[in-house]
Amino acid sequence: MGAPLKTIILPDTVTSIGRAAFLGSAIESVILPDGLKTIDDYAFAACLHLRKIFLPQGLEHIGTGAFLGCVSLETAPLPDSVKFIGNEAFALCQNLKM
């Protein structure tokens, strides 16, 4: 079995990340495409090793618990385009500096 992916780079064609898409995965960083509009509920919840995520300008919706329990998350700057952030989207992210 190979080493787990540390960085995920999503293609430009992705406009939405579905519910619990990366729930509990071992990823450390994510680079999202500029066309991304929605991060659905619990998409990255419990990703204990996730340290960085680059949220693109144009992102409008961050679902409930999207990053819940990402205890290593340090960086997730919010773009001005965000119109909705669900309950507990960044709960239990004790290292987060926004």
PDB file of N, CA and C in Angstrom:
ATOM      1  N   MET A   1       0.847  -1.181   0.000  1.00  0.00           N
ATOM      2  CA  MET A   1       0.000   0.000   0.000  1.00  0.00           C
ATOM      3  C   MET A   1       0.890   1.242   0.000  1.00  0.00           C
ATOM      4  N   GLY A   2       0.575   2.221  -0.836  1.00  0.00           N
ATOM      5  CA  GLY A   2       1.364   3.433  -0.943  1.00  0.00           C
ATOM      6  C   GLY A   2       1.092   4.406   0.190  1.00  0.00           C
ATOM      7  N   ALA A   3       1.906   5.452   0.224  1.00  0.00           N
ATOM      8  CA  ALA A   3       1.745   6.498   1.240  1.00  0.00           C
ATOM      9  C   ALA A   3       0.473   7.296   0.955  1.00  0.00           C
ATOM     10  N   PRO A   4      -0.198   7.772   2.007  1.00  0.00           N
ATOM     11  CA  PRO A   4      -1.416   8.559   1.791  1.00  0.00           C
ATOM     12  C   PRO A   4      -1.094   9.896   1.120  1.00  0.00           C
ATOM     13  N   LEU A   5      -2.049  10.400   0.360  1.00  0.00           N
ATOM     14  CA  LEU A   5      -1.878  11.703  -0.269  1.00  0.00           C
ATOM     15  C   LEU A   5      -1.819  12.772   0.796  1.00  0.00           C
ATOM     16  N   LYS A   6      -0.859  13.678   0.680  1.00  0.00           N
ATOM     17  CA  LYS A   6      -0.753  14.762   1.648  1.00  0.00           C
ATOM     18  C   LYS A   6      -1.411  16.026   1.136  1.00  0.00           C
ATOM     19  N   THR A   7      -1.344  16.242  -0.171  1.00  0.00           N
ATOM     20  CA  THR A   7      -1.936  17.431  -0.777  1.00  0.00           C
ATOM     21  C   THR A   7      -2.914  16.996  -1.858  1.00  0.00           C
ATOM     22  N   ILE A   8      -4.090  17.597  -1.835  1.00  0.00           N
ATOM     23  CA  ILE A   8      -5.099  17.347  -2.857  1.00  0.00           C
ATOM     24  C   ILE A   8      -5.246  18.626  -3.671  1.00  0.00           C
ATOM     25  N   ILE A   9      -5.152  18.497  -4.986  1.00  0.00           N
ATOM     26  CA  ILE A   9      -5.390  19.624  -5.891  1.00  0.00           C
ATOM     27  C   ILE A   9      -6.593  19.240  -6.740  1.00  0.00           C
ATOM     28  N   LEU A  10      -7.692  19.946  -6.525  1.00  0.00           N
ATOM     29  CA  LEU A  10      -8.917  19.629  -7.264  1.00  0.00           C
ATOM     30  C   LEU A  10      -8.914  20.329  -8.621  1.00  0.00           C
ATOM     31  N   PRO A  11      -9.408  19.662  -9.664  1.00  0.00           N
ATOM     32  CA  PRO A  11      -9.398  20.244 -11.015  1.00  0.00           C
ATOM     33  C   PRO A  11     -10.346  21.435 -11.145  1.00  0.00           C
ATOM     34  N   ASP A  12     -10.086  22.240 -12.150  1.00  0.00           N
ATOM     35  CA  ASP A  12     -10.877  23.453 -12.408  1.00  0.00           C
ATOM     36  C   ASP A  12     -12.343  23.172 -12.689  1.00  0.00           C
ATOM     37  N   THR A  13     -12.680  21.959 -13.056  1.00  0.00           N
ATOM     38  CA  THR A  13     -14.067  21.621 -13.383  1.00  0.00           C
ATOM     39  C   THR A  13     -14.944  21.435 -12.142  1.00  0.00           C
ATOM     40  N   VAL A  14     -14.344  21.342 -10.965  1.00  0.00           N
ATOM     41  CA  VAL A  14     -15.102  21.122  -9.728  1.00  0.00           C
ATOM     42  C   VAL A  14     -15.729  22.437  -9.270  1.00  0.00           C
ATOM     43  N   THR A  15     -17.059  22.440  -9.128  1.00  0.00           N
ATOM     44  CA  THR A  15     -17.763  23.633  -8.652  1.00  0.00           C
ATOM     45  C   THR A  15     -18.395  23.416  -7.285  1.00  0.00           C
ATOM     46  N   SER A  16     -18.445  22.155  -6.836  1.00  0.00           N
ATOM     47  CA  SER A  16     -19.051  21.831  -5.556  1.00  0.00           C
ATOM     48  C   SER A  16     -18.356  20.613  -4.953  1.00  0.00           C
ATOM     49  N   ILE A  17     -18.143  20.660  -3.636  1.00  0.00           N
ATOM     50  CA  ILE A  17     -17.601  19.502  -2.925  1.00  0.00           C
ATOM     51  C   ILE A  17     -18.746  18.935  -2.106  1.00  0.00           C
ATOM     52  N   GLY A  18     -19.087  17.696  -2.344  1.00  0.00           N
ATOM     53  CA  GLY A  18     -20.257  17.068  -1.756  1.00  0.00           C
ATOM     54  C   GLY A  18     -20.148  16.780  -0.272  1.00  0.00           C
ATOM     55  N   ARG A  19     -21.283  16.474   0.297  1.00  0.00           N
ATOM     56  CA  ARG A  19     -21.408  16.157   1.723  1.00  0.00           C
ATOM     57  C   ARG A  19     -20.446  15.029   2.108  1.00  0.00           C
ATOM     58  N   ALA A  20     -19.623  15.301   3.116  1.00  0.00           N
ATOM     59  CA  ALA A  20     -18.689  14.324   3.690  1.00  0.00           C
ATOM     60  C   ALA A  20     -17.697  13.757   2.672  1.00  0.00           C
ATOM     61  N   ALA A  21     -17.391  14.492   1.626  1.00  0.00           N
ATOM     62  CA  ALA A  21     -16.524  14.001   0.545  1.00  0.00           C
ATOM     63  C   ALA A  21     -15.143  13.558   1.026  1.00  0.00           C
ATOM     64  N   PHE A  22     -14.559  14.279   1.957  1.00  0.00           N
ATOM     65  CA  PHE A  22     -13.224  13.952   2.457  1.00  0.00           C
ATOM     66  C   PHE A  22     -13.249  13.625   3.947  1.00  0.00           C
ATOM     67  N   LEU A  23     -14.395  13.352   4.487  1.00  0.00           N
ATOM     68  CA  LEU A  23     -14.585  13.090   5.914  1.00  0.00           C
ATOM     69  C   LEU A  23     -13.538  12.124   6.460  1.00  0.00           C
ATOM     70  N   GLY A  24     -12.775  12.595   7.447  1.00  0.00           N
ATOM     71  CA  GLY A  24     -11.811  11.744   8.135  1.00  0.00           C
ATOM     72  C   GLY A  24     -10.593  11.330   7.341  1.00  0.00           C
ATOM     73  N   SER A  25     -10.330  11.948   6.204  1.00  0.00           N
ATOM     74  CA  SER A  25      -9.164  11.541   5.406  1.00  0.00           C
ATOM     75  C   SER A  25      -7.870  12.076   6.021  1.00  0.00           C
ATOM     76  N   ALA A  26      -6.738  11.556   5.572  1.00  0.00           N
ATOM     77  CA  ALA A  26      -5.429  11.903   6.124  1.00  0.00           C
ATOM     78  C   ALA A  26      -4.745  13.049   5.385  1.00  0.00           C
ATOM     79  N   ILE A  27      -5.466  13.792   4.570  1.00  0.00           N
ATOM     80  CA  ILE A  27      -4.859  14.883   3.803  1.00  0.00           C
ATOM     81  C   ILE A  27      -4.336  15.982   4.727  1.00  0.00           C
ATOM     82  N   GLU A  28      -3.300  16.698   4.240  1.00  0.00           N
ATOM     83  CA  GLU A  28      -2.695  17.779   5.011  1.00  0.00           C
ATOM     84  C   GLU A  28      -3.002  19.149   4.426  1.00  0.00           C
ATOM     85  N   SER A  29      -3.208  19.225   3.121  1.00  0.00           N
ATOM     86  CA  SER A  29      -3.560  20.505   2.508  1.00  0.00           C
ATOM     87  C   SER A  29      -4.409  20.268   1.274  1.00  0.00           C
ATOM     88  N   VAL A  30      -5.207  21.282   0.938  1.00  0.00           N
ATOM     89  CA  VAL A  30      -6.115  21.204  -0.200  1.00  0.00           C
ATOM     90  C   VAL A  30      -6.012  22.499  -0.980  1.00  0.00           C
ATOM     91  N   ILE A  31      -5.909  22.369  -2.293  1.00  0.00           N
ATOM     92  CA  ILE A  31      -5.940  23.535  -3.175  1.00  0.00           C
ATOM     93  C   ILE A  31      -7.210  23.397  -4.008  1.00  0.00           C
ATOM     94  N   LEU A  32      -8.092  24.355  -3.838  1.00  0.00           N
ATOM     95  CA  LEU A  32      -9.406  24.313  -4.474  1.00  0.00           C
ATOM     96  C   LEU A  32      -9.408  25.148  -5.744  1.00  0.00           C
ATOM     97  N   PRO A  33     -10.213  24.770  -6.735  1.00  0.00           N
ATOM     98  CA  PRO A  33     -10.258  25.503  -7.996  1.00  0.00           C
ATOM     99  C   PRO A  33     -10.989  26.835  -7.859  1.00  0.00           C
ATOM    100  N   ASP A  34     -10.640  27.765  -8.739  1.00  0.00           N
ATOM    101  CA  ASP A  34     -11.249  29.097  -8.716  1.00  0.00           C
ATOM    102  C   ASP A  34     -12.745  29.077  -8.945  1.00  0.00           C
ATOM    103  N   GLY A  35     -13.262  28.082  -9.647  1.00  0.00           N
ATOM    104  CA  GLY A  35     -14.687  28.017  -9.944  1.00  0.00           C
ATOM    105  C   GLY A  35     -15.536  27.403  -8.840  1.00  0.00           C
ATOM    106  N   LEU A  36     -14.925  27.018  -7.731  1.00  0.00           N
ATOM    107  CA  LEU A  36     -15.662  26.371  -6.645  1.00  0.00           C
ATOM    108  C   LEU A  36     -16.652  27.347  -6.015  1.00  0.00           C
ATOM    109  N   LYS A  37     -17.901  26.922  -5.887  1.00  0.00           N
ATOM    110  CA  LYS A  37     -18.961  27.744  -5.298  1.00  0.00           C
ATOM    111  C   LYS A  37     -19.418  27.222  -3.942  1.00  0.00           C
ATOM    112  N   THR A  38     -19.383  25.888  -3.738  1.00  0.00           N
ATOM    113  CA  THR A  38     -19.985  25.287  -2.550  1.00  0.00           C
ATOM    114  C   THR A  38     -19.083  24.222  -1.927  1.00  0.00           C
ATOM    115  N   ILE A  39     -18.930  24.309  -0.617  1.00  0.00           N
ATOM    116  CA  ILE A  39     -18.353  23.231   0.179  1.00  0.00           C
ATOM    117  C   ILE A  39     -19.498  22.749   1.057  1.00  0.00           C
ATOM    118  N   ASP A  40     -19.958  21.547   0.823  1.00  0.00           N
ATOM    119  CA  ASP A  40     -21.161  21.041   1.474  1.00  0.00           C
ATOM    120  C   ASP A  40     -20.881  20.599   2.921  1.00  0.00           C
ATOM    121  N   ASP A  41     -21.938  20.238   3.618  1.00  0.00           N
ATOM    122  CA  ASP A  41     -21.865  19.851   5.019  1.00  0.00           C
ATOM    123  C   ASP A  41     -20.847  18.738   5.245  1.00  0.00           C
ATOM    124  N   TYR A  42     -20.017  18.929   6.254  1.00  0.00           N
ATOM    125  CA  TYR A  42     -19.044  17.939   6.733  1.00  0.00           C
ATOM    126  C   TYR A  42     -18.053  17.480   5.660  1.00  0.00           C
ATOM    127  N   ALA A  43     -17.857  18.280   4.630  1.00  0.00           N
ATOM    128  CA  ALA A  43     -16.984  17.888   3.516  1.00  0.00           C
ATOM    129  C   ALA A  43     -15.575  17.517   3.970  1.00  0.00           C
ATOM    130  N   PHE A  44     -15.031  18.265   4.922  1.00  0.00           N
ATOM    131  CA  PHE A  44     -13.676  18.000   5.409  1.00  0.00           C
ATOM    132  C   PHE A  44     -13.655  17.702   6.908  1.00  0.00           C
ATOM    133  N   ALA A  45     -14.786  17.411   7.491  1.00  0.00           N
ATOM    134  CA  ALA A  45     -14.865  17.161   8.931  1.00  0.00           C
ATOM    135  C   ALA A  45     -13.943  16.014   9.347  1.00  0.00           C
ATOM    136  N   ALA A  46     -13.336  16.182  10.519  1.00  0.00           N
ATOM    137  CA  ALA A  46     -12.478  15.153  11.126  1.00  0.00           C
ATOM    138  C   ALA A  46     -11.253  14.810  10.290  1.00  0.00           C
ATOM    139  N   CYS A  47     -10.804  15.737   9.469  1.00  0.00           N
ATOM    140  CA  CYS A  47      -9.523  15.567   8.770  1.00  0.00           C
ATOM    141  C   CYS A  47      -8.452  16.057   9.750  1.00  0.00           C
ATOM    142  N   LEU A  48      -7.990  15.158  10.591  1.00  0.00           N
ATOM    143  CA  LEU A  48      -7.140  15.518  11.725  1.00  0.00           C
ATOM    144  C   LEU A  48      -5.785  16.084  11.338  1.00  0.00           C
ATOM    145  N   HIS A  49      -5.327  15.815  10.121  1.00  0.00           N
ATOM    146  CA  HIS A  49      -4.009  16.278   9.686  1.00  0.00           C
ATOM    147  C   HIS A  49      -4.074  17.488   8.759  1.00  0.00           C
ATOM    148  N   LEU A  50      -5.276  17.920   8.414  1.00  0.00           N
ATOM    149  CA  LEU A  50      -5.431  19.063   7.508  1.00  0.00           C
ATOM    150  C   LEU A  50      -4.899  20.324   8.170  1.00  0.00           C
ATOM    151  N   ARG A  51      -3.869  20.920   7.559  1.00  0.00           N
ATOM    152  CA  ARG A  51      -3.240  22.111   8.126  1.00  0.00           C
ATOM    153  C   ARG A  51      -3.578  23.375   7.352  1.00  0.00           C
ATOM    154  N   LYS A  52      -3.745  23.234   6.034  1.00  0.00           N
ATOM    155  CA  LYS A  52      -3.962  24.412   5.184  1.00  0.00           C
ATOM    156  C   LYS A  52      -5.041  24.127   4.166  1.00  0.00           C
ATOM    157  N   ILE A  53      -5.875  25.116   3.944  1.00  0.00           N
ATOM    158  CA  ILE A  53      -6.821  25.042   2.838  1.00  0.00           C
ATOM    159  C   ILE A  53      -6.911  26.439   2.247  1.00  0.00           C
ATOM    160  N   PHE A  54      -6.835  26.520   0.936  1.00  0.00           N
ATOM    161  CA  PHE A  54      -6.887  27.798   0.241  1.00  0.00           C
ATOM    162  C   PHE A  54      -8.265  27.942  -0.392  1.00  0.00           C
ATOM    163  N   LEU A  55      -9.098  28.771   0.220  1.00  0.00           N
ATOM    164  CA  LEU A  55     -10.471  28.965  -0.240  1.00  0.00           C
ATOM    165  C   LEU A  55     -10.476  30.007  -1.354  1.00  0.00           C
ATOM    166  N   PRO A  56     -10.994  29.657  -2.531  1.00  0.00           N
ATOM    167  CA  PRO A  56     -10.899  30.554  -3.682  1.00  0.00           C
ATOM    168  C   PRO A  56     -11.903  31.704  -3.635  1.00  0.00           C
ATOM    169  N   GLN A  57     -11.523  32.811  -4.243  1.00  0.00           N
ATOM    170  CA  GLN A  57     -12.458  33.912  -4.459  1.00  0.00           C
ATOM    171  C   GLN A  57     -13.565  33.359  -5.347  1.00  0.00           C
ATOM    172  N   GLY A  58     -14.785  33.646  -5.022  1.00  0.00           N
ATOM    173  CA  GLY A  58     -15.916  33.093  -5.755  1.00  0.00           C
ATOM    174  C   GLY A  58     -16.670  32.052  -4.948  1.00  0.00           C
ATOM    175  N   LEU A  59     -16.026  31.501  -3.909  1.00  0.00           N
ATOM    176  CA  LEU A  59     -16.702  30.556  -3.026  1.00  0.00           C
ATOM    177  C   LEU A  59     -17.836  31.286  -2.319  1.00  0.00           C
ATOM    178  N   GLU A  60     -19.030  30.691  -2.326  1.00  0.00           N
ATOM    179  CA  GLU A  60     -20.204  31.346  -1.747  1.00  0.00           C
ATOM    180  C   GLU A  60     -20.771  30.636  -0.530  1.00  0.00           C
ATOM    181  N   HIS A  61     -20.599  29.331  -0.426  1.00  0.00           N
ATOM    182  CA  HIS A  61     -21.301  28.548   0.593  1.00  0.00           C
ATOM    183  C   HIS A  61     -20.337  27.577   1.283  1.00  0.00           C
ATOM    184  N   ILE A  62     -20.266  27.672   2.618  1.00  0.00           N
ATOM    185  CA  ILE A  62     -19.517  26.719   3.432  1.00  0.00           C
ATOM    186  C   ILE A  62     -20.531  26.070   4.355  1.00  0.00           C
ATOM    187  N   GLY A  63     -20.755  24.792   4.177  1.00  0.00           N
ATOM    188  CA  GLY A  63     -21.829  24.087   4.872  1.00  0.00           C
ATOM    189  C   GLY A  63     -21.583  23.825   6.346  1.00  0.00           C
ATOM    190  N   THR A  64     -22.615  23.368   7.005  1.00  0.00           N
ATOM    191  CA  THR A  64     -22.569  23.008   8.419  1.00  0.00           C
ATOM    192  C   THR A  64     -21.463  21.991   8.666  1.00  0.00           C
ATOM    193  N   GLY A  65     -20.632  22.275   9.652  1.00  0.00           N
ATOM    194  CA  GLY A  65     -19.579  21.349  10.045  1.00  0.00           C
ATOM    195  C   GLY A  65     -18.566  21.039   8.966  1.00  0.00           C
ATOM    196  N   ALA A  66     -18.439  21.898   7.972  1.00  0.00           N
ATOM    197  CA  ALA A  66     -17.561  21.618   6.831  1.00  0.00           C
ATOM    198  C   ALA A  66     -16.132  21.257   7.258  1.00  0.00           C
ATOM    199  N   PHE A  67     -15.623  21.922   8.289  1.00  0.00           N
ATOM    200  CA  PHE A  67     -14.269  21.668   8.781  1.00  0.00           C
ATOM    201  C   PHE A  67     -14.284  21.269  10.259  1.00  0.00           C
ATOM    202  N   LEU A  68     -15.401  20.796  10.729  1.00  0.00           N
ATOM    203  CA  LEU A  68     -15.578  20.410  12.130  1.00  0.00           C
ATOM    204  C   LEU A  68     -14.512  19.413  12.566  1.00  0.00           C
ATOM    205  N   GLY A  69     -13.822  19.726  13.646  1.00  0.00           N
ATOM    206  CA  GLY A  69     -12.844  18.804  14.206  1.00  0.00           C
ATOM    207  C   GLY A  69     -11.530  18.707  13.461  1.00  0.00           C
ATOM    208  N   CYS A  70     -11.254  19.668  12.595  1.00  0.00           N
ATOM    209  CA  CYS A  70      -9.948  19.702  11.916  1.00  0.00           C
ATOM    210  C   CYS A  70      -8.956  20.354  12.884  1.00  0.00           C
ATOM    211  N   VAL A  71      -8.501  19.577  13.846  1.00  0.00           N
ATOM    212  CA  VAL A  71      -7.736  20.108  14.972  1.00  0.00           C
ATOM    213  C   VAL A  71      -6.370  20.669  14.584  1.00  0.00           C
ATOM    214  N   SER A  72      -5.830  20.296  13.438  1.00  0.00           N
ATOM    215  CA  SER A  72      -4.530  20.805  13.000  1.00  0.00           C
ATOM    216  C   SER A  72      -4.653  21.994  12.054  1.00  0.00           C
ATOM    217  N   LEU A  73      -5.880  22.344  11.666  1.00  0.00           N
ATOM    218  CA  LEU A  73      -6.078  23.417  10.687  1.00  0.00           C
ATOM    219  C   LEU A  73      -5.552  24.739  11.234  1.00  0.00           C
ATOM    220  N   GLU A  74      -4.637  25.354  10.476  1.00  0.00           N
ATOM    221  CA  GLU A  74      -4.019  26.612  10.870  1.00  0.00           C
ATOM    222  C   GLU A  74      -4.459  27.774   9.987  1.00  0.00           C
ATOM    223  N   THR A  75      -4.695  27.495   8.711  1.00  0.00           N
ATOM    224  CA  THR A  75      -4.962  28.544   7.733  1.00  0.00           C
ATOM    225  C   THR A  75      -6.176  28.199   6.879  1.00  0.00           C
ATOM    226  N   ALA A  76      -7.127  29.138   6.829  1.00  0.00           N
ATOM    227  CA  ALA A  76      -8.298  29.006   5.958  1.00  0.00           C
ATOM    228  C   ALA A  76      -8.880  30.402   5.731  1.00  0.00           C
ATOM    229  N   PRO A  77      -8.126  31.279   5.059  1.00  0.00           N
ATOM    230  CA  PRO A  77      -8.618  32.643   4.858  1.00  0.00           C
ATOM    231  C   PRO A  77      -9.923  32.662   4.060  1.00  0.00           C
ATOM    232  N   LEU A  78     -10.901  33.404   4.561  1.00  0.00           N
ATOM    233  CA  LEU A  78     -12.209  33.487   3.907  1.00  0.00           C
ATOM    234  C   LEU A  78     -12.215  34.575   2.841  1.00  0.00           C
ATOM    235  N   PRO A  79     -12.614  34.215   1.626  1.00  0.00           N
ATOM    236  CA  PRO A  79     -12.745  35.246   0.590  1.00  0.00           C
ATOM    237  C   PRO A  79     -13.991  36.097   0.821  1.00  0.00           C
ATOM    238  N   ASP A  80     -14.008  37.293   0.285  1.00  0.00           N
ATOM    239  CA  ASP A  80     -15.138  38.218   0.422  1.00  0.00           C
ATOM    240  C   ASP A  80     -16.419  37.677  -0.207  1.00  0.00           C
ATOM    241  N   SER A  81     -16.291  36.734  -1.113  1.00  0.00           N
ATOM    242  CA  SER A  81     -17.451  36.217  -1.843  1.00  0.00           C
ATOM    243  C   SER A  81     -18.349  35.294  -1.010  1.00  0.00           C
ATOM    244  N   VAL A  82     -17.878  34.834   0.164  1.00  0.00           N
ATOM    245  CA  VAL A  82     -18.662  33.902   0.981  1.00  0.00           C
ATOM    246  C   VAL A  82     -19.926  34.587   1.500  1.00  0.00           C
ATOM    247  N   LYS A  83     -21.081  33.977   1.197  1.00  0.00           N
ATOM    248  CA  LYS A  83     -22.379  34.520   1.611  1.00  0.00           C
ATOM    249  C   LYS A  83     -22.998  33.724   2.743  1.00  0.00           C
ATOM    250  N   PHE A  84     -22.584  32.473   2.923  1.00  0.00           N
ATOM    251  CA  PHE A  84     -23.182  31.611   3.938  1.00  0.00           C
ATOM    252  C   PHE A  84     -22.109  30.735   4.575  1.00  0.00           C
ATOM    253  N   ILE A  85     -22.110  30.712   5.914  1.00  0.00           N
ATOM    254  CA  ILE A  85     -21.258  29.794   6.671  1.00  0.00           C
ATOM    255  C   ILE A  85     -22.180  29.060   7.640  1.00  0.00           C
ATOM    256  N   GLY A  86     -22.264  27.754   7.508  1.00  0.00           N
ATOM    257  CA  GLY A  86     -23.151  26.945   8.342  1.00  0.00           C
ATOM    258  C   GLY A  86     -22.683  26.836   9.778  1.00  0.00           C
ATOM    259  N   ASN A  87     -23.581  26.394  10.631  1.00  0.00           N
ATOM    260  CA  ASN A  87     -23.265  26.193  12.044  1.00  0.00           C
ATOM    261  C   ASN A  87     -22.074  25.262  12.196  1.00  0.00           C
ATOM    262  N   GLU A  88     -21.224  25.589  13.135  1.00  0.00           N
ATOM    263  CA  GLU A  88     -20.068  24.769  13.489  1.00  0.00           C
ATOM    264  C   GLU A  88     -19.158  24.450  12.301  1.00  0.00           C
ATOM    265  N   ALA A  89     -19.146  25.314  11.303  1.00  0.00           N
ATOM    266  CA  ALA A  89     -18.309  25.073  10.122  1.00  0.00           C
ATOM    267  C   ALA A  89     -16.836  24.908  10.487  1.00  0.00           C
ATOM    268  N   PHE A  90     -16.375  25.662  11.481  1.00  0.00           N
ATOM    269  CA  PHE A  90     -14.973  25.587  11.898  1.00  0.00           C
ATOM    270  C   PHE A  90     -14.847  25.223  13.381  1.00  0.00           C
ATOM    271  N   ALA A  91     -15.853  24.554  13.938  1.00  0.00           N
ATOM    272  CA  ALA A  91     -15.825  24.180  15.358  1.00  0.00           C
ATOM    273  C   ALA A  91     -14.698  23.196  15.642  1.00  0.00           C
ATOM    274  N   LEU A  92     -14.106  23.346  16.802  1.00  0.00           N
ATOM    275  CA  LEU A  92     -13.026  22.488  17.291  1.00  0.00           C
ATOM    276  C   LEU A  92     -11.755  22.586  16.455  1.00  0.00           C
ATOM    277  N   CYS A  93     -11.585  23.715  15.794  1.00  0.00           N
ATOM    278  CA  CYS A  93     -10.357  23.996  15.031  1.00  0.00           C
ATOM    279  C   CYS A  93      -9.503  24.929  15.887  1.00  0.00           C
ATOM    280  N   GLN A  94      -8.953  24.391  16.970  1.00  0.00           N
ATOM    281  CA  GLN A  94      -8.289  25.232  17.963  1.00  0.00           C
ATOM    282  C   GLN A  94      -7.015  25.923  17.492  1.00  0.00           C
ATOM    283  N   ASN A  95      -6.415  25.502  16.390  1.00  0.00           N
ATOM    284  CA  ASN A  95      -5.189  26.135  15.886  1.00  0.00           C
ATOM    285  C   ASN A  95      -5.450  27.115  14.753  1.00  0.00           C
ATOM    286  N   LEU A  96      -6.715  27.322  14.410  1.00  0.00           N
ATOM    287  CA  LEU A  96      -7.072  28.138  13.245  1.00  0.00           C
ATOM    288  C   LEU A  96      -6.844  29.623  13.512  1.00  0.00           C
ATOM    289  N   LYS A  97      -6.150  30.248  12.557  1.00  0.00           N
ATOM    290  CA  LYS A  97      -5.953  31.697  12.540  1.00  0.00           C
ATOM    291  C   LYS A  97      -6.520  32.185  11.228  1.00  0.00           C
ATOM    292  N   MET A  98      -7.612  32.953  11.289  1.00  0.00           N
ATOM    293  CA  MET A  98      -8.263  33.385  10.046  1.00  0.00           C
ATOM    294  C   MET A  98      -7.869  34.790   9.677  1.00  0.00           C
TER     295      MET A  98
END
